[in-house]
């Protein structure tokens, strides 16, 4: 069967542009052509596949499937934000579970799925929270504490604006933070529940 070049030109949806590396990875796996050449320019992707009719048809179906996946919209009123876009705004990789609990305690329906956060919060609120978390993450970098204790401190800071020392003092006073024999901070229970209690304590409600 004769081999010939087949070219497909597609406009990338916003979700694909937002997480371009992930999109390209999935697209590469979906296309069976060998060799395949991809060129990206101004929001358009040119895909060249060399092969016969069957291979061209499979490539077309693979491209369509991946595009549909990245065009999928979350339910109405919910934003989907990727780890990559959060990193661009915050300037540092932040724990998505901390962002999730911060947004939840601000009153927004939020869940994390893999490298994505789904939330009813406006984009400005999401990225403001991410930048605050990044600030406290840097400040807590040298804190002698367990992973969950650091998450507790960072989340409480982003929610209240209190200093690291104020948060630690309040945490020890309210019992959501403890120190082991070596002075290392730890959370005796679930750190997410501890955040709620600590925030109330810092606000003078508990």
N, C-alpha and C. Protein backbone atom coordinates (compact mmCIF):
# COMPACT_ATOMS: atom_id res chain seq x y z
N UNK A 1 0.85 -1.20 0.00
CA UNK A 1 0.00 0.00 0.00
C UNK A 1 0.88 1.24 0.00
N UNK A 2 0.53 2.23 -0.83
CA UNK A 2 1.34 3.45 -0.94
C UNK A 2 1.29 4.25 0.36
N UNK A 3 2.43 4.78 0.66
CA UNK A 3 2.52 5.65 1.84
C UNK A 3 2.53 7.09 1.38
N UNK A 4 1.74 7.92 2.01
CA UNK A 4 1.69 9.33 1.63
C UNK A 4 1.50 10.18 2.87
N UNK A 5 1.77 11.45 2.70
CA UNK A 5 1.64 12.37 3.82
C UNK A 5 0.20 12.87 3.92
N UNK A 6 -0.34 12.79 5.14
CA UNK A 6 -1.67 13.34 5.42
C UNK A 6 -1.50 14.43 6.47
N UNK A 7 -2.04 15.59 6.21
CA UNK A 7 -1.90 16.72 7.14
C UNK A 7 -3.25 17.08 7.74
N UNK A 8 -3.25 17.29 9.05
CA UNK A 8 -4.44 17.72 9.77
C UNK A 8 -4.09 19.03 10.48
N UNK A 9 -4.95 20.01 10.34
CA UNK A 9 -4.73 21.30 11.03
C UNK A 9 -5.90 21.52 11.98
N UNK A 10 -5.58 21.67 13.25
CA UNK A 10 -6.64 21.83 14.26
C UNK A 10 -6.37 23.06 15.12
N UNK A 11 -7.45 23.73 15.49
CA UNK A 11 -7.34 24.85 16.43
C UNK A 11 -7.49 24.30 17.83
N UNK A 12 -6.54 24.61 18.70
CA UNK A 12 -6.57 24.04 20.04
C UNK A 12 -7.58 24.76 20.92
N UNK A 13 -8.39 24.00 21.67
CA UNK A 13 -9.33 24.61 22.62
C UNK A 13 -8.57 25.23 23.79
N UNK A 14 -9.21 26.14 24.53
CA UNK A 14 -8.52 26.80 25.66
C UNK A 14 -7.93 25.84 26.67
N UNK A 15 -8.65 24.73 26.95
CA UNK A 15 -8.13 23.78 27.94
C UNK A 15 -6.83 23.14 27.48
N UNK A 16 -6.71 22.92 26.16
CA UNK A 16 -5.48 22.34 25.62
C UNK A 16 -4.33 23.35 25.69
N UNK A 17 -4.64 24.62 25.46
CA UNK A 17 -3.61 25.66 25.54
C UNK A 17 -3.14 25.83 26.98
N UNK A 18 -4.09 25.67 27.92
CA UNK A 18 -3.76 25.87 29.33
C UNK A 18 -2.82 24.79 29.84
N UNK A 19 -3.01 23.58 29.36
CA UNK A 19 -2.17 22.46 29.80
C UNK A 19 -1.59 21.79 28.54
N UNK A 20 -0.76 22.55 27.84
CA UNK A 20 -0.27 22.15 26.53
C UNK A 20 0.54 20.86 26.57
N UNK A 21 1.41 20.71 27.58
CA UNK A 21 2.25 19.52 27.67
C UNK A 21 1.42 18.26 27.83
N UNK A 22 0.39 18.34 28.66
CA UNK A 22 -0.48 17.18 28.89
C UNK A 22 -1.25 16.85 27.61
N UNK A 23 -1.71 17.89 26.93
CA UNK A 23 -2.44 17.69 25.67
C UNK A 23 -1.56 16.99 24.64
N UNK A 24 -0.32 17.46 24.50
CA UNK A 24 0.58 16.88 23.51
C UNK A 24 0.93 15.43 23.84
N UNK A 25 1.07 15.17 25.13
CA UNK A 25 1.38 13.80 25.55
C UNK A 25 0.25 12.84 25.16
N UNK A 26 -0.99 13.27 25.43
CA UNK A 26 -2.13 12.41 25.12
C UNK A 26 -2.32 12.28 23.61
N UNK A 27 -2.07 13.37 22.90
CA UNK A 27 -2.22 13.35 21.45
C UNK A 27 -1.20 12.40 20.82
N UNK A 28 0.03 12.44 21.29
CA UNK A 28 1.08 11.58 20.76
C UNK A 28 0.72 10.11 20.93
N UNK A 29 0.11 9.78 22.07
CA UNK A 29 -0.27 8.39 22.32
C UNK A 29 -1.46 7.97 21.46
N UNK A 30 -2.30 8.95 21.11
CA UNK A 30 -3.52 8.64 20.37
C UNK A 30 -3.28 8.46 18.88
N UNK A 31 -2.17 9.00 18.38
CA UNK A 31 -1.89 8.92 16.95
C UNK A 31 -0.92 7.78 16.67
N UNK A 32 -1.32 6.90 15.76
CA UNK A 32 -0.50 5.72 15.49
C UNK A 32 0.50 5.92 14.36
N UNK A 33 0.48 7.08 13.72
CA UNK A 33 1.33 7.33 12.57
C UNK A 33 2.81 7.26 12.87
N UNK A 34 3.60 6.81 11.92
CA UNK A 34 5.04 6.73 12.11
C UNK A 34 5.72 6.99 10.78
N UNK A 35 6.45 8.09 10.60
CA UNK A 35 6.66 9.10 11.63
C UNK A 35 5.52 10.13 11.67
N UNK A 36 5.45 10.89 12.72
CA UNK A 36 4.47 11.96 12.88
C UNK A 36 5.22 13.26 13.14
N UNK A 37 4.81 14.30 12.47
CA UNK A 37 5.43 15.61 12.67
C UNK A 37 4.36 16.58 13.13
N UNK A 38 4.62 17.30 14.22
CA UNK A 38 3.65 18.26 14.73
C UNK A 38 4.29 19.65 14.79
N UNK A 39 3.58 20.64 14.29
CA UNK A 39 4.05 22.02 14.31
C UNK A 39 2.97 22.90 14.91
N UNK A 40 3.35 23.68 15.92
CA UNK A 40 2.38 24.53 16.61
C UNK A 40 2.69 26.00 16.30
N UNK A 41 1.64 26.76 15.96
CA UNK A 41 1.82 28.19 15.71
C UNK A 41 0.49 28.91 15.87
N UNK A 42 0.51 29.98 16.67
CA UNK A 42 -0.64 30.89 16.83
C UNK A 42 -1.94 30.16 17.16
N UNK A 43 -1.85 29.17 18.06
CA UNK A 43 -3.05 28.49 18.50
C UNK A 43 -3.50 27.34 17.61
N UNK A 44 -2.76 27.09 16.52
CA UNK A 44 -3.11 26.00 15.61
C UNK A 44 -2.01 24.95 15.63
N UNK A 45 -2.41 23.71 15.48
CA UNK A 45 -1.47 22.60 15.45
C UNK A 45 -1.59 21.87 14.11
N UNK A 46 -0.47 21.78 13.40
CA UNK A 46 -0.43 21.03 12.14
C UNK A 46 0.18 19.67 12.42
N UNK A 47 -0.57 18.63 12.07
CA UNK A 47 -0.14 17.26 12.35
C UNK A 47 0.03 16.54 11.01
N UNK A 48 1.22 16.05 10.77
CA UNK A 48 1.51 15.33 9.54
C UNK A 48 1.74 13.86 9.85
N UNK A 49 0.98 13.01 9.17
CA UNK A 49 1.07 11.57 9.38
C UNK A 49 1.42 10.92 8.05
N UNK A 50 2.35 10.00 8.08
CA UNK A 50 2.75 9.30 6.86
C UNK A 50 2.24 7.86 6.92
N UNK A 51 1.46 7.46 5.90
CA UNK A 51 0.94 6.10 5.87
C UNK A 51 -0.21 5.98 4.91
N UNK A 52 -0.88 4.84 4.96
CA UNK A 52 -2.00 4.58 4.07
C UNK A 52 -3.32 5.08 4.63
N UNK A 53 -4.42 4.66 3.97
CA UNK A 53 -5.75 5.14 4.34
C UNK A 53 -6.15 4.72 5.75
N UNK A 54 -5.85 3.48 6.10
CA UNK A 54 -6.23 2.98 7.43
C UNK A 54 -5.54 3.78 8.52
N UNK A 55 -4.24 4.03 8.32
CA UNK A 55 -3.47 4.79 9.32
C UNK A 55 -3.98 6.23 9.42
N UNK A 56 -4.30 6.82 8.28
CA UNK A 56 -4.82 8.19 8.28
C UNK A 56 -6.15 8.28 9.02
N UNK A 57 -7.00 7.27 8.81
CA UNK A 57 -8.31 7.25 9.48
C UNK A 57 -8.15 7.10 11.00
N UNK A 58 -7.23 6.23 11.40
CA UNK A 58 -6.98 6.06 12.84
C UNK A 58 -6.43 7.33 13.47
N UNK A 59 -5.53 7.99 12.73
CA UNK A 59 -4.96 9.24 13.24
C UNK A 59 -6.05 10.29 13.41
N UNK A 60 -6.93 10.39 12.42
CA UNK A 60 -8.02 11.36 12.49
C UNK A 60 -8.93 11.09 13.68
N UNK A 61 -9.24 9.83 13.90
CA UNK A 61 -10.10 9.45 15.03
C UNK A 61 -9.42 9.75 16.36
N UNK A 62 -8.09 9.50 16.42
CA UNK A 62 -7.34 9.79 17.65
C UNK A 62 -7.31 11.27 17.97
N UNK A 63 -7.10 12.07 16.93
CA UNK A 63 -7.07 13.53 17.11
C UNK A 63 -8.43 14.02 17.61
N UNK A 64 -9.49 13.53 16.98
CA UNK A 64 -10.84 13.94 17.36
C UNK A 64 -11.16 13.58 18.81
N UNK A 65 -10.74 12.39 19.21
CA UNK A 65 -11.01 11.93 20.58
C UNK A 65 -10.32 12.81 21.61
N UNK A 66 -9.05 13.13 21.36
CA UNK A 66 -8.31 13.95 22.32
C UNK A 66 -8.85 15.37 22.36
N UNK A 67 -9.23 15.93 21.21
CA UNK A 67 -9.81 17.27 21.18
C UNK A 67 -11.11 17.32 21.96
N UNK A 68 -11.94 16.29 21.80
CA UNK A 68 -13.19 16.23 22.54
C UNK A 68 -12.94 16.17 24.04
N UNK A 69 -11.92 15.43 24.42
CA UNK A 69 -11.58 15.32 25.85
C UNK A 69 -11.22 16.66 26.43
N UNK A 70 -10.45 17.44 25.69
CA UNK A 70 -10.01 18.74 26.21
C UNK A 70 -11.04 19.84 25.98
N UNK A 71 -12.08 19.54 25.22
CA UNK A 71 -13.16 20.50 25.06
C UNK A 71 -14.23 20.31 26.12
N UNK A 72 -14.15 19.18 26.83
CA UNK A 72 -15.18 18.86 27.82
C UNK A 72 -15.26 19.95 28.88
N UNK A 73 -16.44 20.44 29.10
CA UNK A 73 -16.65 21.51 30.07
C UNK A 73 -17.09 20.93 31.41
N UNK A 74 -16.60 21.49 32.50
CA UNK A 74 -17.11 21.08 33.81
C UNK A 74 -18.56 21.54 33.97
N UNK A 75 -19.21 21.05 35.01
CA UNK A 75 -20.60 21.44 35.21
C UNK A 75 -20.70 22.95 35.39
N UNK A 76 -21.86 23.48 35.05
CA UNK A 76 -22.08 24.93 35.08
C UNK A 76 -21.73 25.51 36.45
N UNK A 77 -21.05 26.65 36.42
CA UNK A 77 -20.68 27.32 37.66
C UNK A 77 -19.39 26.80 38.27
N UNK A 78 -18.74 25.84 37.61
CA UNK A 78 -17.51 25.27 38.15
C UNK A 78 -16.34 25.56 37.22
N UNK A 79 -15.24 26.02 37.78
CA UNK A 79 -14.03 26.25 37.00
C UNK A 79 -13.09 25.07 37.18
N UNK A 80 -12.39 24.73 36.11
CA UNK A 80 -11.35 23.71 36.18
C UNK A 80 -10.00 24.43 36.04
N UNK A 81 -9.16 24.27 37.04
CA UNK A 81 -7.85 24.94 37.05
C UNK A 81 -6.77 23.87 37.17
N UNK A 82 -5.76 23.95 36.32
CA UNK A 82 -4.71 22.95 36.32
C UNK A 82 -3.55 23.34 37.24
N UNK A 83 -2.79 22.34 37.62
CA UNK A 83 -1.59 22.58 38.44
C UNK A 83 -0.64 23.54 37.72
N UNK A 84 -0.54 23.40 36.40
CA UNK A 84 0.37 24.24 35.63
C UNK A 84 -0.03 25.71 35.68
N UNK A 85 -1.33 25.99 35.53
CA UNK A 85 -1.79 27.39 35.56
C UNK A 85 -1.63 27.98 36.95
N UNK A 86 -1.83 27.17 37.98
CA UNK A 86 -1.63 27.63 39.36
C UNK A 86 -0.16 27.95 39.59
N UNK A 87 0.71 27.10 39.06
CA UNK A 87 2.16 27.33 39.18
C UNK A 87 2.56 28.66 38.53
N UNK A 88 1.98 28.94 37.36
CA UNK A 88 2.31 30.19 36.67
C UNK A 88 1.93 31.41 37.51
N UNK A 89 0.81 31.32 38.19
CA UNK A 89 0.34 32.46 38.99
C UNK A 89 1.09 32.57 40.32
N UNK A 90 1.33 31.42 40.95
CA UNK A 90 1.93 31.43 42.29
C UNK A 90 3.45 31.54 42.24
N UNK A 91 4.05 31.12 41.13
CA UNK A 91 5.51 31.18 41.01
C UNK A 91 6.23 30.03 41.68
N UNK A 92 5.46 29.11 42.25
CA UNK A 92 6.03 27.95 42.93
C UNK A 92 4.96 26.86 42.95
N UNK A 93 5.38 25.62 42.99
CA UNK A 93 4.41 24.53 43.08
C UNK A 93 3.83 24.48 44.48
N UNK A 94 2.52 24.59 44.59
CA UNK A 94 1.87 24.56 45.90
C UNK A 94 1.07 23.28 46.05
N UNK A 95 0.86 22.82 47.29
CA UNK A 95 0.04 21.61 47.50
C UNK A 95 -1.42 21.90 47.14
N UNK A 96 -1.96 21.15 46.21
CA UNK A 96 -3.33 21.40 45.78
C UNK A 96 -4.34 21.08 46.86
N UNK A 97 -3.99 20.16 47.78
CA UNK A 97 -4.93 19.87 48.86
C UNK A 97 -5.06 21.05 49.82
N UNK A 98 -3.99 21.85 49.93
CA UNK A 98 -4.07 23.06 50.75
C UNK A 98 -4.95 24.10 50.07
N UNK A 99 -4.78 24.27 48.76
CA UNK A 99 -5.64 25.20 48.01
C UNK A 99 -7.10 24.77 48.12
N UNK A 100 -7.34 23.48 48.06
CA UNK A 100 -8.71 22.96 48.16
C UNK A 100 -9.34 23.32 49.49
N UNK A 101 -8.65 23.10 50.60
CA UNK A 101 -9.24 23.38 51.91
C UNK A 101 -9.40 24.88 52.13
N UNK A 102 -8.48 25.68 51.61
CA UNK A 102 -8.59 27.14 51.73
C UNK A 102 -9.83 27.64 51.01
N UNK A 103 -10.04 27.17 49.78
CA UNK A 103 -11.22 27.61 49.02
C UNK A 103 -12.51 27.10 49.65
N UNK A 104 -12.47 25.88 50.17
CA UNK A 104 -13.66 25.34 50.84
C UNK A 104 -14.06 26.19 52.04
N UNK A 105 -13.06 26.55 52.84
CA UNK A 105 -13.36 27.32 54.04
C UNK A 105 -13.69 28.78 53.73
N UNK A 106 -13.47 29.18 52.49
CA UNK A 106 -13.93 30.49 52.04
C UNK A 106 -15.34 30.41 51.48
N UNK A 107 -15.91 29.19 51.50
CA UNK A 107 -17.31 29.03 51.11
C UNK A 107 -17.55 28.51 49.71
N UNK A 108 -16.50 28.01 49.04
CA UNK A 108 -16.66 27.55 47.67
C UNK A 108 -16.61 26.02 47.58
N UNK A 109 -17.50 25.47 46.78
CA UNK A 109 -17.45 24.03 46.51
C UNK A 109 -16.18 23.74 45.73
N UNK A 110 -15.35 22.87 46.27
CA UNK A 110 -14.05 22.62 45.65
C UNK A 110 -13.66 21.16 45.82
N UNK A 111 -13.08 20.61 44.77
CA UNK A 111 -12.53 19.26 44.86
C UNK A 111 -11.27 19.19 43.99
N UNK A 112 -10.38 18.27 44.33
CA UNK A 112 -9.16 18.06 43.58
C UNK A 112 -9.19 16.69 42.93
N UNK A 113 -8.86 16.65 41.66
CA UNK A 113 -8.77 15.39 40.93
C UNK A 113 -7.44 15.36 40.18
N UNK A 114 -6.51 14.59 40.71
CA UNK A 114 -5.20 14.53 40.07
C UNK A 114 -4.50 15.87 40.08
N UNK A 115 -4.18 16.39 38.91
CA UNK A 115 -3.49 17.68 38.79
C UNK A 115 -4.45 18.82 38.49
N UNK A 116 -5.72 18.63 38.79
CA UNK A 116 -6.71 19.66 38.49
C UNK A 116 -7.58 19.95 39.72
N UNK A 117 -7.98 21.22 39.82
CA UNK A 117 -8.88 21.66 40.88
C UNK A 117 -10.17 22.14 40.24
N UNK A 118 -11.29 21.63 40.73
CA UNK A 118 -12.61 22.06 40.27
C UNK A 118 -13.25 22.86 41.41
N UNK A 119 -13.68 24.07 41.11
CA UNK A 119 -14.18 24.92 42.18
C UNK A 119 -15.22 25.91 41.67
N UNK A 120 -16.09 26.35 42.57
CA UNK A 120 -17.06 27.39 42.23
C UNK A 120 -16.50 28.78 42.46
N UNK A 121 -15.26 28.87 42.94
CA UNK A 121 -14.63 30.17 43.20
C UNK A 121 -14.27 30.86 41.88
N UNK A 122 -14.35 32.20 41.85
CA UNK A 122 -13.90 32.94 40.66
C UNK A 122 -12.39 32.76 40.47
N UNK A 123 -11.93 32.92 39.24
CA UNK A 123 -10.51 32.72 38.96
C UNK A 123 -9.63 33.65 39.78
N UNK A 124 -10.07 34.90 39.98
CA UNK A 124 -9.27 35.84 40.76
C UNK A 124 -9.08 35.37 42.19
N UNK A 125 -10.14 34.82 42.78
CA UNK A 125 -10.06 34.30 44.14
C UNK A 125 -9.12 33.09 44.21
N UNK A 126 -9.21 32.23 43.21
CA UNK A 126 -8.35 31.04 43.17
C UNK A 126 -6.89 31.44 43.17
N UNK A 127 -6.53 32.36 42.28
CA UNK A 127 -5.12 32.71 42.13
C UNK A 127 -4.62 33.59 43.28
N UNK A 128 -5.51 34.40 43.87
CA UNK A 128 -5.12 35.15 45.07
C UNK A 128 -4.78 34.18 46.19
N UNK A 129 -5.61 33.16 46.36
CA UNK A 129 -5.37 32.15 47.40
C UNK A 129 -4.07 31.40 47.11
N UNK A 130 -3.83 31.09 45.85
CA UNK A 130 -2.61 30.36 45.47
C UNK A 130 -1.36 31.18 45.79
N UNK A 131 -1.42 32.48 45.53
CA UNK A 131 -0.26 33.33 45.82
C UNK A 131 -0.01 33.45 47.32
N UNK A 132 -1.10 33.53 48.10
CA UNK A 132 -0.95 33.58 49.56
C UNK A 132 -0.35 32.28 50.08
N UNK A 133 -0.84 31.18 49.56
CA UNK A 133 -0.29 29.87 49.97
C UNK A 133 1.19 29.80 49.64
N UNK A 134 1.57 30.32 48.47
CA UNK A 134 2.98 30.30 48.07
C UNK A 134 3.84 31.11 49.04
N UNK A 135 3.32 32.25 49.50
CA UNK A 135 4.06 33.07 50.46
C UNK A 135 4.31 32.31 51.77
N UNK A 136 3.26 31.70 52.28
CA UNK A 136 3.41 30.96 53.54
C UNK A 136 4.22 29.68 53.34
N UNK A 137 4.15 29.12 52.16
CA UNK A 137 4.96 27.93 51.86
C UNK A 137 6.45 28.27 51.96
N UNK A 138 6.82 29.42 51.44
CA UNK A 138 8.23 29.86 51.52
C UNK A 138 8.62 30.12 52.97
N UNK A 139 7.74 30.80 53.70
CA UNK A 139 8.05 31.13 55.09
C UNK A 139 8.17 29.88 55.96
N UNK A 140 7.39 28.86 55.63
CA UNK A 140 7.37 27.64 56.44
C UNK A 140 8.42 26.62 55.98
N UNK A 141 9.23 27.02 55.01
CA UNK A 141 10.19 26.09 54.44
C UNK A 141 11.14 25.46 55.45
N UNK A 142 11.62 26.25 56.39
CA UNK A 142 12.60 25.74 57.38
C UNK A 142 11.95 25.35 58.71
N UNK A 143 10.63 25.33 58.71
CA UNK A 143 9.92 24.97 59.94
C UNK A 143 10.16 23.51 60.29
N UNK A 144 10.52 23.26 61.55
CA UNK A 144 10.76 21.89 62.00
C UNK A 144 9.41 21.27 62.31
N UNK A 145 8.82 20.65 61.31
CA UNK A 145 7.45 20.16 61.43
C UNK A 145 7.22 19.03 60.44
N UNK A 146 6.20 18.23 60.72
CA UNK A 146 5.81 17.18 59.80
C UNK A 146 5.13 17.80 58.58
N UNK A 147 4.94 16.99 57.57
CA UNK A 147 4.30 17.45 56.33
C UNK A 147 2.90 17.99 56.60
N UNK A 148 2.14 17.27 57.43
CA UNK A 148 0.77 17.71 57.71
C UNK A 148 0.75 18.96 58.59
N UNK A 149 1.71 19.09 59.49
CA UNK A 149 1.78 20.29 60.33
C UNK A 149 2.07 21.52 59.48
N UNK A 150 2.95 21.37 58.50
CA UNK A 150 3.23 22.49 57.59
C UNK A 150 2.00 22.86 56.78
N UNK A 151 1.26 21.86 56.34
CA UNK A 151 0.04 22.14 55.59
C UNK A 151 -0.96 22.90 56.45
N UNK A 152 -1.08 22.50 57.69
CA UNK A 152 -1.98 23.18 58.62
C UNK A 152 -1.58 24.64 58.79
N UNK A 153 -0.32 24.89 59.02
CA UNK A 153 0.18 26.26 59.22
C UNK A 153 -0.03 27.11 57.97
N UNK A 154 0.28 26.55 56.81
CA UNK A 154 0.16 27.30 55.55
C UNK A 154 -1.30 27.63 55.26
N UNK A 155 -2.18 26.67 55.43
CA UNK A 155 -3.60 26.90 55.16
C UNK A 155 -4.17 27.95 56.12
N UNK A 156 -3.84 27.83 57.39
CA UNK A 156 -4.34 28.79 58.38
C UNK A 156 -3.82 30.20 58.08
N UNK A 157 -2.57 30.28 57.64
CA UNK A 157 -2.01 31.58 57.30
C UNK A 157 -2.73 32.21 56.12
N UNK A 158 -2.96 31.42 55.08
CA UNK A 158 -3.63 31.94 53.89
C UNK A 158 -5.06 32.39 54.19
N UNK A 159 -5.69 31.76 55.18
CA UNK A 159 -7.07 32.09 55.54
C UNK A 159 -7.18 33.27 56.49
N UNK A 160 -6.16 33.48 57.32
CA UNK A 160 -6.27 34.50 58.37
C UNK A 160 -5.29 35.66 58.23
N UNK A 161 -4.18 35.44 57.54
CA UNK A 161 -3.16 36.48 57.44
C UNK A 161 -2.28 36.57 58.66
N UNK A 162 -2.44 35.65 59.60
CA UNK A 162 -1.62 35.66 60.82
C UNK A 162 -0.19 35.26 60.49
N UNK A 163 0.74 35.65 61.36
CA UNK A 163 2.14 35.28 61.16
C UNK A 163 2.35 33.81 61.51
N UNK A 164 3.46 33.26 61.04
CA UNK A 164 3.77 31.86 61.33
C UNK A 164 3.83 31.62 62.84
N UNK A 165 4.46 32.53 63.57
CA UNK A 165 4.59 32.37 65.02
C UNK A 165 3.22 32.43 65.71
N UNK A 166 2.37 33.34 65.25
CA UNK A 166 1.02 33.44 65.82
C UNK A 166 0.24 32.16 65.57
N UNK A 167 0.40 31.60 64.39
CA UNK A 167 -0.31 30.37 64.04
C UNK A 167 0.16 29.21 64.90
N UNK A 168 1.47 29.10 65.07
CA UNK A 168 2.02 28.01 65.88
C UNK A 168 1.57 28.14 67.33
N UNK A 169 1.64 29.34 67.88
CA UNK A 169 1.21 29.55 69.27
C UNK A 169 -0.26 29.19 69.44
N UNK A 170 -1.09 29.64 68.48
CA UNK A 170 -2.52 29.35 68.56
C UNK A 170 -2.78 27.86 68.38
N UNK A 171 -2.00 27.22 67.51
CA UNK A 171 -2.16 25.79 67.28
C UNK A 171 -1.84 24.98 68.52
N UNK A 172 -0.75 25.35 69.20
CA UNK A 172 -0.38 24.64 70.43
C UNK A 172 -1.40 24.90 71.54
N UNK A 173 -1.86 26.13 71.61
CA UNK A 173 -2.83 26.51 72.65
C UNK A 173 -4.16 25.80 72.46
N UNK A 174 -4.58 25.63 71.20
CA UNK A 174 -5.88 25.01 70.92
C UNK A 174 -5.79 23.49 70.83
N UNK A 175 -4.58 22.96 70.83
CA UNK A 175 -4.41 21.52 70.82
C UNK A 175 -4.38 20.87 69.45
N UNK A 176 -4.42 21.68 68.36
CA UNK A 176 -4.37 21.08 67.03
C UNK A 176 -2.93 20.86 66.58
N UNK A 177 -1.99 21.46 67.31
CA UNK A 177 -0.57 21.22 67.09
C UNK A 177 0.05 20.71 68.38
N UNK A 178 1.00 19.81 68.23
CA UNK A 178 1.76 19.32 69.37
C UNK A 178 3.23 19.25 68.99
N UNK A 179 4.09 19.16 70.01
CA UNK A 179 5.52 18.99 69.77
C UNK A 179 5.95 17.62 70.30
N UNK A 180 6.79 16.94 69.52
CA UNK A 180 7.30 15.67 70.02
C UNK A 180 8.49 15.92 70.95
N UNK A 181 9.15 14.89 71.37
CA UNK A 181 10.26 15.02 72.32
C UNK A 181 11.43 15.83 71.78
N UNK A 182 11.50 15.93 70.45
CA UNK A 182 12.60 16.68 69.83
C UNK A 182 12.17 18.08 69.41
N UNK A 183 10.94 18.44 69.77
CA UNK A 183 10.45 19.77 69.43
C UNK A 183 9.87 19.91 68.03
N UNK A 184 9.65 18.79 67.38
CA UNK A 184 9.08 18.81 66.03
C UNK A 184 7.57 18.94 66.10
N UNK A 185 7.02 19.86 65.32
CA UNK A 185 5.58 20.08 65.32
C UNK A 185 4.86 18.97 64.57
N UNK A 186 3.72 18.56 65.11
CA UNK A 186 2.92 17.53 64.45
C UNK A 186 1.44 17.80 64.72
N UNK A 187 0.61 17.19 63.89
CA UNK A 187 -0.84 17.30 64.04
C UNK A 187 -1.36 15.97 64.57
N UNK A 188 -1.95 15.95 65.76
CA UNK A 188 -2.40 14.68 66.34
C UNK A 188 -3.59 14.05 65.64
N UNK A 189 -4.35 14.85 64.90
CA UNK A 189 -5.53 14.31 64.21
C UNK A 189 -5.48 14.64 62.73
N UNK A 190 -6.64 14.76 62.10
CA UNK A 190 -6.75 15.10 60.68
C UNK A 190 -6.42 16.57 60.49
N UNK A 191 -5.47 16.88 59.61
CA UNK A 191 -5.02 18.26 59.48
C UNK A 191 -6.09 19.17 58.89
N UNK A 192 -6.97 18.62 58.06
CA UNK A 192 -8.03 19.44 57.47
C UNK A 192 -9.03 19.91 58.52
N UNK A 193 -9.40 18.99 59.39
CA UNK A 193 -10.29 19.37 60.50
C UNK A 193 -9.59 20.34 61.44
N UNK A 194 -8.28 20.14 61.60
CA UNK A 194 -7.50 21.03 62.47
C UNK A 194 -7.48 22.44 61.92
N UNK A 195 -7.46 22.59 60.60
CA UNK A 195 -7.48 23.93 60.00
C UNK A 195 -8.74 24.69 60.43
N UNK A 196 -9.88 24.02 60.36
CA UNK A 196 -11.14 24.66 60.74
C UNK A 196 -11.09 25.15 62.18
N UNK A 197 -10.63 24.28 63.08
CA UNK A 197 -10.56 24.63 64.49
C UNK A 197 -9.57 25.76 64.74
N UNK A 198 -8.45 25.72 64.06
CA UNK A 198 -7.40 26.73 64.26
C UNK A 198 -7.85 28.09 63.77
N UNK A 199 -8.52 28.12 62.63
CA UNK A 199 -9.02 29.39 62.09
C UNK A 199 -10.02 30.02 63.06
N UNK A 200 -10.90 29.22 63.62
CA UNK A 200 -11.87 29.73 64.60
C UNK A 200 -11.14 30.26 65.84
N UNK A 201 -10.12 29.53 66.26
CA UNK A 201 -9.37 29.95 67.44
C UNK A 201 -8.68 31.28 67.19
N UNK A 202 -8.09 31.44 66.02
CA UNK A 202 -7.40 32.69 65.67
C UNK A 202 -8.39 33.85 65.57
N UNK A 203 -9.63 33.53 65.21
CA UNK A 203 -10.66 34.57 65.11
C UNK A 203 -11.33 34.86 66.45
N UNK A 204 -10.88 34.14 67.51
CA UNK A 204 -11.44 34.34 68.84
C UNK A 204 -12.76 33.64 69.04
N UNK A 205 -13.03 32.63 68.20
CA UNK A 205 -14.31 31.93 68.29
C UNK A 205 -14.19 30.56 68.95
N UNK A 206 -12.96 30.19 69.30
CA UNK A 206 -12.81 28.84 69.86
C UNK A 206 -11.67 28.78 70.83
